N, C-alpha and C. Protein backbone atom coordinates (compact mmCIF):
# COMPACT_ATOMS: atom_id res chain seq x y z
N MET A 1 -19.27 6.99 57.40
CA MET A 1 -18.59 6.02 56.58
C MET A 1 -19.59 5.15 55.82
N ILE A 2 -20.64 4.75 56.47
CA ILE A 2 -21.66 3.93 55.84
C ILE A 2 -22.36 4.74 54.75
N TYR A 3 -22.56 6.05 55.02
CA TYR A 3 -23.19 6.90 54.01
C TYR A 3 -22.34 6.98 52.74
N ILE A 4 -21.06 7.06 52.91
CA ILE A 4 -20.15 7.12 51.73
C ILE A 4 -20.21 5.80 50.97
N PHE A 5 -20.17 4.70 51.70
CA PHE A 5 -20.19 3.39 51.05
C PHE A 5 -21.50 3.18 50.31
N VAL A 6 -22.61 3.52 50.91
CA VAL A 6 -23.92 3.36 50.29
C VAL A 6 -24.04 4.30 49.08
N SER A 7 -23.57 5.52 49.21
CA SER A 7 -23.66 6.46 48.07
C SER A 7 -22.79 5.99 46.90
N VAL A 8 -21.62 5.41 47.18
CA VAL A 8 -20.77 4.89 46.10
C VAL A 8 -21.46 3.72 45.40
N VAL A 9 -22.09 2.84 46.15
CA VAL A 9 -22.80 1.70 45.58
C VAL A 9 -23.99 2.18 44.76
N VAL A 10 -24.73 3.16 45.25
CA VAL A 10 -25.88 3.69 44.52
C VAL A 10 -25.42 4.35 43.21
N ILE A 11 -24.36 5.13 43.29
CA ILE A 11 -23.83 5.79 42.08
C ILE A 11 -23.36 4.74 41.08
N ALA A 12 -22.73 3.67 41.57
CA ALA A 12 -22.27 2.60 40.68
C ALA A 12 -23.44 1.92 40.00
N LEU A 13 -24.52 1.67 40.75
CA LEU A 13 -25.71 1.05 40.16
C LEU A 13 -26.37 1.97 39.12
N ILE A 14 -26.43 3.24 39.44
CA ILE A 14 -27.02 4.20 38.49
C ILE A 14 -26.19 4.26 37.21
N LEU A 15 -24.87 4.30 37.34
CA LEU A 15 -24.01 4.32 36.15
C LEU A 15 -24.12 3.03 35.35
N LEU A 16 -24.28 1.90 36.03
CA LEU A 16 -24.44 0.62 35.34
C LEU A 16 -25.73 0.60 34.54
N ILE A 17 -26.80 1.09 35.12
CA ILE A 17 -28.10 1.13 34.43
C ILE A 17 -28.04 2.11 33.26
N VAL A 18 -27.46 3.27 33.46
CA VAL A 18 -27.35 4.26 32.38
C VAL A 18 -26.50 3.72 31.24
N SER A 19 -25.43 3.04 31.56
CA SER A 19 -24.54 2.52 30.50
C SER A 19 -25.22 1.44 29.67
N SER A 20 -26.15 0.71 30.25
CA SER A 20 -26.85 -0.32 29.47
C SER A 20 -27.81 0.29 28.47
N PHE A 21 -28.28 1.51 28.72
CA PHE A 21 -29.19 2.17 27.79
C PHE A 21 -28.47 3.01 26.74
N MET A 22 -27.20 3.25 26.92
CA MET A 22 -26.45 4.06 25.95
C MET A 22 -26.14 3.24 24.71
N ASP A 23 -25.97 3.94 23.58
CA ASP A 23 -25.62 3.28 22.32
C ASP A 23 -24.21 2.73 22.40
N ASP A 24 -24.04 1.62 21.75
CA ASP A 24 -22.72 1.00 21.72
C ASP A 24 -21.93 1.60 20.56
N ARG A 25 -20.90 2.33 20.85
CA ARG A 25 -20.13 3.01 19.81
C ARG A 25 -19.31 2.02 18.98
N ILE A 26 -18.88 0.95 19.58
CA ILE A 26 -18.12 -0.05 18.81
C ILE A 26 -19.01 -0.68 17.75
N GLU A 27 -20.27 -0.91 18.10
CA GLU A 27 -21.22 -1.46 17.13
C GLU A 27 -21.41 -0.49 15.97
N GLN A 28 -21.50 0.80 16.28
CA GLN A 28 -21.63 1.81 15.24
C GLN A 28 -20.40 1.84 14.35
N LEU A 29 -19.21 1.74 14.95
CA LEU A 29 -17.98 1.73 14.17
C LEU A 29 -17.90 0.50 13.27
N GLU A 30 -18.33 -0.63 13.77
CA GLU A 30 -18.34 -1.84 12.96
C GLU A 30 -19.28 -1.69 11.77
N GLU A 31 -20.43 -1.10 12.00
CA GLU A 31 -21.39 -0.88 10.93
C GLU A 31 -20.82 0.09 9.88
N GLN A 32 -20.19 1.16 10.34
CA GLN A 32 -19.57 2.11 9.41
C GLN A 32 -18.46 1.44 8.61
N PHE A 33 -17.66 0.62 9.26
CA PHE A 33 -16.58 -0.08 8.58
C PHE A 33 -17.13 -1.05 7.54
N GLU A 34 -18.22 -1.72 7.87
CA GLU A 34 -18.85 -2.64 6.92
C GLU A 34 -19.37 -1.90 5.70
N GLN A 35 -20.01 -0.75 5.92
CA GLN A 35 -20.51 0.07 4.81
C GLN A 35 -19.35 0.56 3.95
N PHE A 36 -18.27 0.98 4.59
CA PHE A 36 -17.09 1.44 3.86
C PHE A 36 -16.50 0.30 3.03
N SER A 37 -16.45 -0.87 3.61
CA SER A 37 -15.90 -2.03 2.92
C SER A 37 -16.74 -2.38 1.69
N ILE A 38 -18.04 -2.35 1.84
CA ILE A 38 -18.94 -2.65 0.72
C ILE A 38 -18.78 -1.61 -0.39
N SER A 39 -18.74 -0.35 -0.02
CA SER A 39 -18.60 0.71 -1.04
C SER A 39 -17.24 0.61 -1.74
N THR A 40 -16.21 0.24 -0.99
CA THR A 40 -14.88 0.07 -1.59
C THR A 40 -14.89 -1.08 -2.59
N MET A 41 -15.55 -2.16 -2.24
CA MET A 41 -15.64 -3.30 -3.15
C MET A 41 -16.41 -2.93 -4.41
N GLN A 42 -17.49 -2.16 -4.26
CA GLN A 42 -18.26 -1.73 -5.42
C GLN A 42 -17.42 -0.82 -6.32
N ASP A 43 -16.69 0.10 -5.72
CA ASP A 43 -15.82 0.98 -6.49
C ASP A 43 -14.75 0.19 -7.23
N THR A 44 -14.18 -0.79 -6.56
CA THR A 44 -13.15 -1.62 -7.19
C THR A 44 -13.73 -2.37 -8.38
N TYR A 45 -14.93 -2.91 -8.22
CA TYR A 45 -15.57 -3.64 -9.31
C TYR A 45 -15.83 -2.71 -10.49
N GLN A 46 -16.33 -1.52 -10.21
CA GLN A 46 -16.60 -0.57 -11.30
C GLN A 46 -15.31 -0.15 -12.00
N MET A 47 -14.24 0.06 -11.23
CA MET A 47 -12.95 0.43 -11.83
C MET A 47 -12.42 -0.70 -12.72
N LYS A 48 -12.57 -1.94 -12.27
CA LYS A 48 -12.12 -3.07 -13.08
C LYS A 48 -12.91 -3.16 -14.37
N LYS A 49 -14.23 -2.88 -14.30
CA LYS A 49 -15.04 -2.89 -15.52
C LYS A 49 -14.58 -1.81 -16.48
N LYS A 50 -14.32 -0.62 -15.95
CA LYS A 50 -13.89 0.49 -16.80
C LYS A 50 -12.52 0.20 -17.42
N ILE A 51 -11.63 -0.39 -16.63
CA ILE A 51 -10.30 -0.73 -17.15
C ILE A 51 -10.43 -1.76 -18.27
N LYS A 52 -11.30 -2.72 -18.09
CA LYS A 52 -11.51 -3.74 -19.13
C LYS A 52 -12.03 -3.10 -20.42
N ILE A 53 -12.97 -2.17 -20.28
CA ILE A 53 -13.52 -1.49 -21.46
C ILE A 53 -12.42 -0.68 -22.15
N LEU A 54 -11.61 0.03 -21.36
CA LEU A 54 -10.52 0.83 -21.93
C LEU A 54 -9.49 -0.06 -22.63
N GLU A 55 -9.18 -1.20 -22.03
CA GLU A 55 -8.23 -2.12 -22.66
C GLU A 55 -8.77 -2.61 -24.00
N GLU A 56 -10.08 -2.92 -24.04
CA GLU A 56 -10.68 -3.36 -25.30
C GLU A 56 -10.62 -2.25 -26.34
N GLU A 57 -10.89 -1.02 -25.91
CA GLU A 57 -10.82 0.11 -26.85
C GLU A 57 -9.40 0.30 -27.36
N LEU A 58 -8.42 0.17 -26.47
CA LEU A 58 -7.03 0.31 -26.89
C LEU A 58 -6.63 -0.78 -27.86
N LEU A 59 -7.11 -2.00 -27.63
CA LEU A 59 -6.78 -3.10 -28.54
C LEU A 59 -7.37 -2.85 -29.92
N THR A 60 -8.63 -2.39 -29.96
CA THR A 60 -9.23 -2.11 -31.26
C THR A 60 -8.55 -0.91 -31.91
N GLU A 61 -8.15 0.07 -31.09
CA GLU A 61 -7.46 1.24 -31.64
C GLU A 61 -6.09 0.83 -32.19
N ASN A 62 -5.42 -0.10 -31.51
CA ASN A 62 -4.13 -0.57 -32.00
C ASN A 62 -4.29 -1.34 -33.31
N ILE A 63 -5.37 -2.11 -33.44
CA ILE A 63 -5.62 -2.83 -34.69
C ILE A 63 -5.86 -1.84 -35.82
N ILE A 64 -6.69 -0.85 -35.54
CA ILE A 64 -6.97 0.18 -36.55
C ILE A 64 -5.69 0.94 -36.88
N GLN A 65 -4.90 1.20 -35.86
CA GLN A 65 -3.66 1.94 -36.06
C GLN A 65 -2.69 1.16 -36.95
N THR A 66 -2.60 -0.14 -36.74
CA THR A 66 -1.69 -0.93 -37.57
C THR A 66 -2.18 -0.96 -39.01
N GLU A 67 -3.51 -0.94 -39.20
CA GLU A 67 -4.05 -0.88 -40.56
C GLU A 67 -3.74 0.46 -41.21
N ASN A 68 -3.82 1.53 -40.42
CA ASN A 68 -3.58 2.88 -40.95
C ASN A 68 -2.11 3.29 -40.83
N ASN A 69 -1.28 2.41 -40.35
CA ASN A 69 0.12 2.73 -40.10
C ASN A 69 0.86 3.10 -41.39
N ASN A 70 0.37 2.62 -42.51
CA ASN A 70 1.02 2.92 -43.78
C ASN A 70 0.85 4.39 -44.15
N ASN A 71 -0.20 5.03 -43.67
CA ASN A 71 -0.45 6.43 -43.99
C ASN A 71 0.39 7.38 -43.14
N ILE A 72 0.92 6.89 -42.04
CA ILE A 72 1.67 7.74 -41.12
C ILE A 72 3.14 7.71 -41.50
N PRO A 73 3.77 8.86 -41.56
CA PRO A 73 5.20 8.89 -41.90
C PRO A 73 6.03 8.11 -40.87
N PRO A 74 7.15 7.55 -41.31
CA PRO A 74 7.98 6.76 -40.38
C PRO A 74 8.45 7.56 -39.16
N ALA A 75 8.61 8.87 -39.29
CA ALA A 75 9.07 9.68 -38.16
C ALA A 75 8.03 9.71 -37.03
N LEU A 76 6.74 9.54 -37.37
CA LEU A 76 5.69 9.61 -36.37
C LEU A 76 5.28 8.24 -35.82
N ARG A 77 5.74 7.16 -36.41
CA ARG A 77 5.31 5.83 -35.98
C ARG A 77 5.75 5.51 -34.56
N ASP A 78 6.85 6.07 -34.10
CA ASP A 78 7.32 5.81 -32.74
C ASP A 78 6.82 6.84 -31.74
N LYS A 79 6.05 7.80 -32.21
CA LYS A 79 5.51 8.85 -31.33
C LYS A 79 4.28 8.34 -30.59
N PRO A 80 3.85 9.05 -29.55
CA PRO A 80 2.64 8.64 -28.82
C PRO A 80 1.40 8.65 -29.71
N LEU A 81 0.40 7.88 -29.29
CA LEU A 81 -0.82 7.74 -30.08
C LEU A 81 -1.53 9.08 -30.31
N LEU A 82 -1.43 9.96 -29.35
CA LEU A 82 -2.09 11.26 -29.49
C LEU A 82 -1.52 12.04 -30.66
N LEU A 83 -0.20 12.04 -30.79
CA LEU A 83 0.41 12.75 -31.92
C LEU A 83 0.02 12.09 -33.23
N GLN A 84 -0.01 10.77 -33.25
CA GLN A 84 -0.41 10.06 -34.47
C GLN A 84 -1.85 10.37 -34.82
N LYS A 85 -2.72 10.45 -33.81
CA LYS A 85 -4.12 10.76 -34.06
C LYS A 85 -4.27 12.17 -34.61
N VAL A 86 -3.54 13.12 -34.04
CA VAL A 86 -3.60 14.50 -34.54
C VAL A 86 -3.17 14.54 -36.00
N TYR A 87 -2.07 13.87 -36.31
CA TYR A 87 -1.59 13.87 -37.69
C TYR A 87 -2.59 13.18 -38.61
N HIS A 88 -3.14 12.06 -38.16
CA HIS A 88 -4.09 11.31 -38.97
C HIS A 88 -5.34 12.15 -39.28
N LEU A 89 -5.87 12.84 -38.26
CA LEU A 89 -7.04 13.68 -38.48
C LEU A 89 -6.71 14.84 -39.42
N HIS A 90 -5.54 15.42 -39.27
CA HIS A 90 -5.12 16.52 -40.15
C HIS A 90 -4.99 16.02 -41.58
N GLN A 91 -4.48 14.81 -41.73
CA GLN A 91 -4.30 14.23 -43.06
C GLN A 91 -5.65 13.98 -43.73
N HIS A 92 -6.67 13.71 -42.93
CA HIS A 92 -8.00 13.47 -43.49
C HIS A 92 -8.81 14.76 -43.65
N GLY A 93 -8.18 15.89 -43.48
CA GLY A 93 -8.82 17.16 -43.80
C GLY A 93 -9.59 17.82 -42.66
N TYR A 94 -9.43 17.36 -41.45
CA TYR A 94 -10.11 18.01 -40.32
C TYR A 94 -9.42 19.34 -40.02
N SER A 95 -10.25 20.31 -39.58
CA SER A 95 -9.68 21.61 -39.22
C SER A 95 -9.02 21.51 -37.85
N HIS A 96 -8.24 22.53 -37.52
CA HIS A 96 -7.55 22.53 -36.24
C HIS A 96 -8.54 22.53 -35.07
N GLU A 97 -9.68 23.23 -35.25
CA GLU A 97 -10.69 23.26 -34.20
C GLU A 97 -11.31 21.88 -34.00
N ASP A 98 -11.60 21.18 -35.11
CA ASP A 98 -12.19 19.85 -35.00
C ASP A 98 -11.22 18.86 -34.35
N ILE A 99 -9.96 18.97 -34.71
CA ILE A 99 -8.95 18.09 -34.11
C ILE A 99 -8.84 18.38 -32.61
N ALA A 100 -8.88 19.65 -32.24
CA ALA A 100 -8.79 20.03 -30.83
C ALA A 100 -9.97 19.46 -30.04
N LYS A 101 -11.17 19.49 -30.63
CA LYS A 101 -12.34 18.95 -29.95
C LYS A 101 -12.24 17.44 -29.77
N GLN A 102 -11.78 16.75 -30.82
CA GLN A 102 -11.73 15.29 -30.76
C GLN A 102 -10.62 14.77 -29.85
N THR A 103 -9.56 15.52 -29.70
CA THR A 103 -8.42 15.06 -28.88
C THR A 103 -8.37 15.74 -27.52
N ASN A 104 -9.31 16.64 -27.25
CA ASN A 104 -9.35 17.37 -25.97
C ASN A 104 -8.08 18.19 -25.75
N LEU A 105 -7.56 18.73 -26.82
CA LEU A 105 -6.40 19.61 -26.74
C LEU A 105 -6.84 21.03 -27.08
N GLU A 106 -5.98 21.97 -26.80
CA GLU A 106 -6.22 23.35 -27.20
C GLU A 106 -5.85 23.51 -28.68
N ARG A 107 -6.47 24.48 -29.34
CA ARG A 107 -6.19 24.72 -30.75
C ARG A 107 -4.71 25.04 -30.97
N HIS A 108 -4.16 25.82 -30.06
CA HIS A 108 -2.75 26.20 -30.15
C HIS A 108 -1.86 24.95 -30.05
N ASP A 109 -2.22 24.01 -29.17
CA ASP A 109 -1.45 22.78 -29.03
C ASP A 109 -1.48 21.95 -30.31
N VAL A 110 -2.64 21.90 -30.95
CA VAL A 110 -2.76 21.15 -32.21
C VAL A 110 -1.88 21.79 -33.27
N GLN A 111 -1.91 23.12 -33.35
CA GLN A 111 -1.08 23.81 -34.33
C GLN A 111 0.41 23.54 -34.07
N THR A 112 0.79 23.56 -32.81
CA THR A 112 2.19 23.32 -32.44
C THR A 112 2.61 21.90 -32.79
N ILE A 113 1.75 20.94 -32.50
CA ILE A 113 2.06 19.53 -32.83
C ILE A 113 2.23 19.36 -34.33
N LEU A 114 1.31 19.92 -35.10
CA LEU A 114 1.38 19.77 -36.54
C LEU A 114 2.60 20.51 -37.12
N LYS A 115 2.91 21.66 -36.53
CA LYS A 115 4.04 22.43 -37.02
C LYS A 115 5.37 21.71 -36.78
N HIS A 116 5.51 21.06 -35.62
CA HIS A 116 6.78 20.42 -35.27
C HIS A 116 6.91 19.01 -35.81
N ASN A 117 5.83 18.37 -36.20
CA ASN A 117 5.89 16.99 -36.63
C ASN A 117 5.69 16.82 -38.13
N MET A 118 5.60 17.89 -38.85
CA MET A 118 5.42 17.76 -40.31
C MET A 118 6.69 18.02 -41.03
């Protein structure tokens, strides 16, 4: 009986000593969470900057659009900006390939837009 009691105490002491030398996983998780939080904040900041730049571009595009609005037929004035841009570029003599490159559309899509909106 004494042997069992002594062996249990020795095993407990050995486990206590070993546990003090092991890495603390909660500390590692906290560090990972902190890194994740920092990267998320950086991403959010960059997204806000990009949104601000896009909003400024849209505002300037809207100003230019209102200036050029007289050149666009009344049927297209209520259409999305992409259709108006395609028509505007076509009106200024750009080829279907050039319009497709500038609007990131396929050549066939540009032809279809121009065919249905003219």
